[in-house]
Protein backbone atom coordinates (compact mmCIF):
# COMPACT_ATOMS: atom_id res chain seq x y z
CA MET A 1 271.43 -27.31 137.36
CA SER A 2 271.43 -31.09 136.91
CA GLU A 3 269.64 -32.89 134.05
CA GLY A 4 266.98 -34.01 136.50
CA ASP A 5 266.37 -30.41 137.55
CA GLY A 6 266.07 -29.43 133.89
CA VAL A 7 263.46 -32.09 133.18
CA ARG A 8 261.57 -31.10 136.32
CA SER A 9 261.51 -27.47 135.17
CA VAL A 10 260.08 -28.54 131.80
CA HIS A 11 257.35 -30.55 133.53
CA ARG A 12 256.53 -27.63 135.82
CA ALA A 13 256.32 -25.23 132.89
CA LEU A 14 254.03 -27.59 130.98
CA ASP A 15 251.87 -28.08 134.08
CA LEU A 16 251.40 -24.32 134.26
CA LEU A 17 250.42 -24.17 130.58
CA GLU A 18 247.91 -26.99 131.04
CA ARG A 19 246.05 -24.92 133.60
CA PHE A 20 244.95 -22.55 130.84
CA ASP A 21 241.72 -23.94 129.44
CA ASP A 22 238.20 -22.90 128.40
CA GLU A 23 237.18 -22.46 132.03
CA HIS A 24 240.39 -20.62 132.95
CA PRO A 25 241.55 -18.69 129.85
CA THR A 26 243.45 -16.22 132.03
CA TRP A 27 245.32 -16.48 135.32
CA SER A 28 246.73 -13.97 137.72
CA LEU A 29 250.20 -14.74 138.97
CA ALA A 30 248.86 -15.14 142.51
CA ALA A 31 246.09 -17.55 141.45
CA LEU A 32 248.46 -19.57 139.29
CA THR A 33 250.86 -19.86 142.21
CA ALA A 34 248.10 -21.03 144.54
CA ALA A 35 246.72 -23.53 142.02
CA SER A 36 250.10 -25.01 141.15
CA GLY A 37 251.36 -25.29 144.73
CA LEU A 38 254.78 -24.06 143.60
CA PRO A 39 256.78 -21.29 145.27
CA LYS A 40 255.95 -17.84 143.92
CA THR A 41 259.55 -17.30 142.82
CA THR A 42 259.45 -20.53 140.80
CA VAL A 43 256.17 -19.62 139.11
CA LEU A 44 257.45 -16.13 138.32
CA ARG A 45 260.63 -17.55 136.79
CA LEU A 46 258.72 -20.07 134.67
CA VAL A 47 256.09 -17.55 133.53
CA THR A 48 258.81 -15.05 132.63
CA THR A 49 260.57 -17.67 130.49
CA LEU A 50 257.31 -18.70 128.82
CA GLU A 51 256.51 -15.06 128.14
CA GLN A 52 259.93 -14.53 126.54
CA ARG A 53 259.18 -17.44 124.18
CA GLY A 54 255.73 -16.09 123.35
CA LEU A 55 253.89 -19.01 124.97
CA VAL A 56 252.13 -16.81 127.52
CA ALA A 57 251.33 -13.13 127.23
CA ALA A 58 250.78 -10.48 129.89
CA ILE A 59 247.32 -8.93 129.46
CA GLY A 60 247.41 -6.74 132.54
CA PRO A 61 249.34 -6.24 135.76
CA GLY A 62 250.17 -9.75 136.97
CA LYS A 63 247.61 -11.37 134.64
CA TYR A 64 248.43 -13.80 131.83
CA ALA A 65 246.87 -15.66 128.91
CA ILE A 66 248.14 -18.13 126.31
CA GLY A 67 250.51 -16.29 123.98
CA PRO A 68 250.80 -15.92 120.20
CA GLY A 69 253.66 -18.40 120.04
CA PHE A 70 251.10 -21.19 119.98
CA LEU A 71 249.56 -19.97 116.71
CA ARG A 72 252.35 -21.51 114.65
CA TRP A 73 252.06 -24.81 116.48
CA SER A 74 248.29 -24.71 116.13
CA ARG A 75 248.60 -24.46 112.34
CA LEU A 76 251.08 -27.33 112.27
CA SER A 77 248.85 -29.44 114.50
CA SER A 78 245.80 -28.81 112.32
CA ALA A 79 247.75 -29.87 109.26
CA THR A 80 249.22 -33.07 110.72
CA MET A 81 246.39 -34.28 112.98
CA GLU A 82 243.76 -34.60 110.27
CA ILE A 83 241.08 -37.17 111.08
CA PRO A 84 240.71 -39.77 108.28
CA PRO A 85 237.39 -39.71 106.37
CA ALA A 86 236.62 -43.28 107.47
CA VAL A 87 236.83 -42.25 111.13
CA ARG A 88 234.60 -39.25 110.55
CA ALA A 89 232.13 -41.49 108.72
CA ALA A 90 231.98 -43.82 111.72
CA MET A 91 231.36 -40.88 114.03
CA GLY A 92 228.62 -39.60 111.73
CA LYS A 93 226.88 -42.97 111.83
CA LEU A 94 227.10 -43.02 115.63
CA SER A 95 225.49 -39.59 115.78
CA ALA A 96 222.77 -40.63 113.33
CA ASP A 97 222.05 -43.89 115.17
CA THR A 98 221.74 -42.29 118.61
CA GLY A 99 220.76 -38.71 117.81
CA GLU A 100 223.43 -37.56 120.26
CA THR A 101 226.59 -35.56 119.58
CA ALA A 102 229.63 -37.80 119.06
CA ASN A 103 233.06 -36.61 120.20
CA LEU A 104 236.52 -38.08 119.75
CA TYR A 105 238.94 -37.38 122.62
CA ILE A 106 242.63 -37.96 123.14
CA ARG A 107 244.60 -37.70 126.37
CA VAL A 108 247.06 -34.82 126.63
CA GLY A 109 248.84 -34.96 129.96
CA ARG A 110 246.26 -34.60 132.72
CA THR A 111 243.56 -33.42 130.34
CA ARG A 112 241.45 -34.77 127.50
CA VAL A 113 241.14 -32.82 124.27
CA CYS A 114 238.24 -32.98 121.83
CA LEU A 115 239.78 -33.87 118.48
CA ALA A 116 236.68 -34.19 116.30
CA GLN A 117 232.91 -34.00 116.51
CA ALA A 118 229.76 -35.17 114.74
CA PRO A 119 226.83 -32.99 115.90
CA GLY A 120 223.71 -34.68 117.15
CA THR A 121 220.48 -34.70 115.17
CA LEU A 122 218.22 -33.74 118.07
CA SER A 123 217.25 -30.13 118.67
CA VAL A 124 218.52 -30.09 122.26
CA ARG A 125 222.20 -31.02 122.22
CA HIS A 126 225.23 -30.98 124.44
CA MET A 127 228.08 -29.48 122.44
CA VAL A 128 231.81 -29.43 123.16
CA VAL A 129 234.12 -27.07 121.27
CA VAL A 130 236.59 -29.00 119.10
CA GLY A 131 240.08 -28.37 120.44
CA SER A 132 238.90 -27.66 123.96
CA SER A 133 240.49 -29.47 126.87
CA MET A 134 238.78 -30.87 129.95
CA PRO A 135 240.12 -32.35 133.17
CA LEU A 136 240.65 -36.09 133.42
CA TRP A 137 238.91 -36.39 136.79
CA GLY A 138 235.40 -36.39 135.32
CA GLY A 139 233.38 -37.76 132.44
CA ALA A 140 233.01 -41.12 130.74
CA ALA A 141 235.71 -40.34 128.16
CA SER A 142 238.24 -39.56 130.90
CA LYS A 143 237.71 -42.92 132.58
CA VAL A 144 238.16 -44.69 129.26
CA LEU A 145 241.37 -42.82 128.45
CA LEU A 146 242.79 -43.71 131.86
CA THR A 147 242.39 -47.43 131.03
CA ASP A 148 245.30 -47.26 128.57
CA PRO A 149 247.57 -49.93 130.14
CA PRO A 150 250.82 -47.95 130.58
CA VAL A 151 249.25 -44.75 131.90
CA LEU A 152 248.96 -45.65 135.58
CA ASP A 153 252.06 -47.87 135.39
CA VAL A 154 254.17 -44.89 134.37
CA ASP A 155 252.51 -42.50 136.83
CA PRO A 156 250.98 -44.52 139.72
CA SER A 157 250.02 -41.36 141.60
CA LEU A 158 248.07 -39.85 138.69
CA ILE A 159 244.65 -40.78 140.11
CA GLU A 160 245.46 -39.14 143.44
CA GLU A 161 246.76 -36.01 141.68
CA LEU A 162 243.64 -35.76 139.54
CA ALA A 163 241.45 -36.19 142.62
CA LEU A 164 243.14 -33.22 144.25
CA GLU A 165 242.12 -31.06 141.28
CA ALA A 166 238.49 -32.23 141.37
CA PRO A 167 235.81 -30.30 143.27
CA ARG A 168 234.87 -33.46 145.14
CA GLN A 169 234.70 -34.76 148.69
CA PRO A 170 237.60 -36.60 150.40
CA GLY A 171 237.78 -40.19 149.23
CA PHE A 172 237.15 -39.28 145.58
CA ALA A 173 240.47 -40.81 144.50
CA LYS A 174 239.26 -44.24 145.60
CA LYS A 175 236.00 -43.80 143.68
CA LEU A 176 237.82 -42.60 140.56
CA ARG A 177 240.24 -45.53 140.64
CA ALA A 178 237.33 -47.95 141.02
CA ALA A 179 235.52 -46.31 138.08
CA VAL A 180 238.61 -46.64 135.87
CA THR A 181 239.01 -50.31 136.86
CA ASP A 182 235.34 -50.87 136.06
CA ALA A 183 235.67 -49.15 132.67
CA ALA A 184 238.66 -51.35 131.82
CA ALA A 185 236.75 -54.49 132.73
CA ARG A 186 233.51 -53.59 130.91
CA GLY A 187 235.01 -51.86 127.88
CA PHE A 188 232.96 -48.69 128.31
CA ALA A 189 232.08 -46.01 130.83
CA VAL A 190 228.97 -44.02 131.71
CA SER A 191 228.82 -40.69 133.52
CA HIS A 192 226.02 -38.48 134.81
CA GLY A 193 226.60 -34.85 135.79
CA GLU A 194 230.24 -35.34 136.76
CA ARG A 195 231.67 -32.35 134.96
CA GLU A 196 228.48 -30.46 134.16
CA LEU A 197 225.16 -30.84 135.95
CA GLY A 198 222.44 -32.24 133.68
CA ALA A 199 224.87 -33.68 131.12
CA SER A 200 225.58 -37.39 130.66
CA GLY A 201 227.86 -39.43 128.47
CA VAL A 202 228.82 -42.89 127.27
CA ALA A 203 232.35 -43.63 126.05
CA ALA A 204 234.35 -46.57 124.74
CA PRO A 205 238.07 -46.95 124.08
CA VAL A 206 239.45 -46.64 120.57
CA ARG A 207 242.36 -49.03 120.36
CA ARG A 208 245.07 -49.76 117.90
CA THR A 209 246.11 -53.30 116.97
CA ASP A 210 248.54 -53.69 119.90
CA GLY A 211 245.81 -52.92 122.44
CA ARG A 212 246.87 -49.38 123.31
CA VAL A 213 244.02 -46.94 123.93
CA VAL A 214 244.66 -44.07 121.52
CA ALA A 215 241.35 -42.23 121.95
CA ALA A 216 237.88 -42.33 123.43
CA ILE A 217 234.74 -42.17 121.33
CA ALA A 218 231.83 -40.73 123.28
CA ILE A 219 228.32 -39.45 122.95
CA GLY A 220 226.93 -36.77 125.22
CA GLY A 221 223.59 -35.18 125.85
CA PRO A 222 221.01 -34.20 128.46
CA THR A 223 220.81 -36.62 131.38
CA THR A 224 217.07 -37.03 130.82
CA ARG A 225 217.81 -38.88 127.57
CA PHE A 226 220.42 -41.17 129.14
CA SER A 227 217.80 -43.19 130.97
CA ASP A 228 218.03 -46.86 131.96
CA ASP A 229 216.07 -47.97 128.91
CA ARG A 230 218.17 -45.93 126.48
CA LEU A 231 221.59 -46.69 127.91
CA PRO A 232 221.95 -50.26 126.53
CA PRO A 233 221.48 -49.26 122.86
CA TYR A 234 223.67 -46.20 123.43
CA ILE A 235 226.45 -48.39 124.84
CA THR A 236 226.12 -50.85 121.96
CA ALA A 237 226.32 -48.06 119.38
CA VAL A 238 229.37 -46.44 120.98
CA ARG A 239 231.25 -49.73 121.27
CA ARG A 240 230.36 -50.61 117.69
CA CYS A 241 231.74 -47.25 116.55
CA ALA A 242 235.00 -47.88 118.45
CA GLU A 243 235.35 -51.26 116.73
CA THR A 244 234.68 -49.67 113.34
CA ILE A 245 237.40 -47.09 113.94
CA LEU A 246 239.82 -49.88 114.93
CA ARG A 247 239.13 -51.63 111.61
CA THR A 248 240.01 -48.45 109.70
CA GLY A 249 243.59 -48.86 110.90
CA TRP A 250 243.71 -45.40 112.49
CA SER A 251 246.52 -45.41 115.04
CA GLY A 252 245.74 -42.16 116.81
CA PHE A 253 248.16 -39.49 117.92
CA SER A 254 248.65 -39.90 121.66
CA ALA A 255 249.98 -43.39 122.46
CA SER A 256 253.65 -44.10 121.89
């Protein structure tokens, strides 16, 4: 096997692991094969290797879940990816100013992961579990994360690949690319019911001093509260929070 084949196998294995999320905590071998588009023999070989390393676990005939091998890495990640108090304070102010739940996301491959949260002050909230991952094809935070300059330069077909995963009509890739371009130009993004009906969000990029987008700060809540008259102050508050985080000197975890 050549070096290129080895790297490709690593990417394929990681792609399979990324398909395990809150909406799909388990997969059958047949469903994983269909979703990945890989030959069944390839998926079986990769899953067998991952199972041997404890990264996936068989929970029934032909059915798999994330394995115990990730527990050690989870502890290490929790210890090293601690959010600075100044960043949490900025998120808390954003939540207090808007009443909405504030979330901090980073990009991990073709997903976004919620790294930290400041719960909203209103009784009806839209909550995301910290540590959960969501697809990059939907949501204001996803569009913002895709504006990181090198992302589409390194993987020009990423938008098209994400569009194939989205439950959307043909032509969605063009709309998604336009939305990302718009978010880059305006410095924020707004979404309504893209990932979950009745939920809306506003997000802005968190940058480091060299301009790289290392995270997205977002607020989310019921669409009824993200009305035309409320959106401007929401956008202002989210962008102000992003600027505050930049001034803390936090450099994030995702951008190289």
